[in-house]
């Protein structure tokens, strides 16, 4: 698996962890994030508010098109459903 180029802040309670153990934990976090950070999961967890048409957009394809636009439309917001 290719290691992504990201910064993670990992806080541990045990100050006596070895460097290898911390690296193992970070690798496990990368593998979890790699599996869960997909476009499918992103589109399921978000919705779009189009204030130009006064609509809430829930469809997977619509949200994916909005994300992939080079020039975003004004007053169209992508929000997390939480």
Protein backbone atom coordinates (compact mmCIF):
# COMPACT_ATOMS: atom_id res chain seq x y z
CA UNK A 1 0.00 0.00 0.00
CA UNK A 2 1.30 3.44 -0.87
CA UNK A 3 1.79 5.63 2.16
CA UNK A 4 -0.13 8.87 1.73
CA UNK A 5 1.54 12.19 2.22
CA UNK A 6 -0.30 13.49 5.28
CA UNK A 7 0.45 14.84 8.69
CA UNK A 8 -0.96 13.00 11.68
CA UNK A 9 -0.76 14.05 15.28
CA UNK A 10 -0.75 10.90 17.39
CA UNK A 11 -1.07 11.31 21.14
CA UNK A 12 -0.07 8.39 23.34
CA UNK A 13 -0.51 7.95 27.07
CA UNK A 14 2.52 5.74 27.53
CA UNK A 15 5.75 7.71 27.23
CA UNK A 16 7.79 4.50 27.28
CA UNK A 17 6.66 3.30 23.84
CA UNK A 18 9.46 2.37 21.51
CA UNK A 19 9.84 4.07 18.15
CA UNK A 20 8.91 0.83 16.35
CA UNK A 21 5.67 0.57 18.32
CA UNK A 22 4.71 4.14 17.46
CA UNK A 23 5.50 3.53 13.77
CA UNK A 24 3.32 0.42 13.87
CA UNK A 25 0.43 2.44 15.32
CA UNK A 26 0.83 5.09 12.62
CA UNK A 27 0.88 2.41 9.90
CA UNK A 28 -2.34 0.96 11.32
CA UNK A 29 -3.95 4.41 11.28
CA UNK A 30 -2.87 4.90 7.65
CA UNK A 31 -4.38 1.55 6.64
CA UNK A 32 -7.68 2.39 8.36
CA UNK A 33 -7.87 5.84 6.80
CA UNK A 34 -6.97 4.44 3.39
CA UNK A 35 -9.95 2.05 3.59
CA UNK A 36 -12.46 4.58 4.91
CA UNK A 37 -11.50 7.77 3.08
CA UNK A 38 -13.20 6.92 -0.21
CA UNK A 39 -15.45 8.95 -2.47
CA UNK A 40 -18.36 6.62 -1.69
CA UNK A 41 -18.07 7.21 2.04
CA UNK A 42 -17.57 10.94 1.55
CA UNK A 43 -20.73 11.24 -0.56
CA UNK A 44 -22.72 9.20 1.97
CA UNK A 45 -21.65 11.45 4.84
CA UNK A 46 -22.24 14.79 3.08
CA UNK A 47 -25.04 16.70 1.42
CA UNK A 48 -25.10 19.85 -0.66
CA UNK A 49 -27.16 22.98 -0.19
CA UNK A 50 -27.88 24.83 -3.42
CA UNK A 51 -29.06 28.28 -2.36
CA UNK A 52 -29.53 29.35 -5.99
CA UNK A 53 -32.37 26.84 -6.41
CA UNK A 54 -33.23 26.44 -2.70
CA UNK A 55 -32.62 22.68 -2.79
CA UNK A 56 -30.87 20.13 -0.64
CA UNK A 57 -28.97 17.62 -2.78
CA UNK A 58 -28.46 14.11 -1.44
CA UNK A 59 -27.61 12.09 -4.53
CA UNK A 60 -24.20 10.43 -4.79
CA UNK A 61 -23.61 11.50 -8.40
CA UNK A 62 -24.62 15.11 -7.78
CA UNK A 63 -22.29 15.50 -4.82
CA UNK A 64 -19.48 13.82 -6.73
CA UNK A 65 -19.97 16.24 -9.66
CA UNK A 66 -19.91 19.21 -7.29
CA UNK A 67 -16.66 18.05 -5.71
CA UNK A 68 -14.96 17.42 -9.06
CA UNK A 69 -15.85 20.82 -10.55
CA UNK A 70 -12.88 23.00 -11.38
CA UNK A 71 -14.81 26.21 -10.80
CA UNK A 72 -17.36 25.80 -7.97
CA UNK A 73 -20.72 27.47 -8.33
CA UNK A 74 -21.44 30.34 -5.99
CA UNK A 75 -23.78 29.66 -3.06
CA UNK A 76 -23.57 25.87 -3.33
CA UNK A 77 -22.29 24.44 -0.06
CA UNK A 78 -21.20 20.91 0.82
CA UNK A 79 -21.90 20.11 4.45
CA UNK A 80 -21.39 17.11 6.66
CA UNK A 81 -24.63 15.42 7.75
CA UNK A 82 -23.49 15.23 11.37
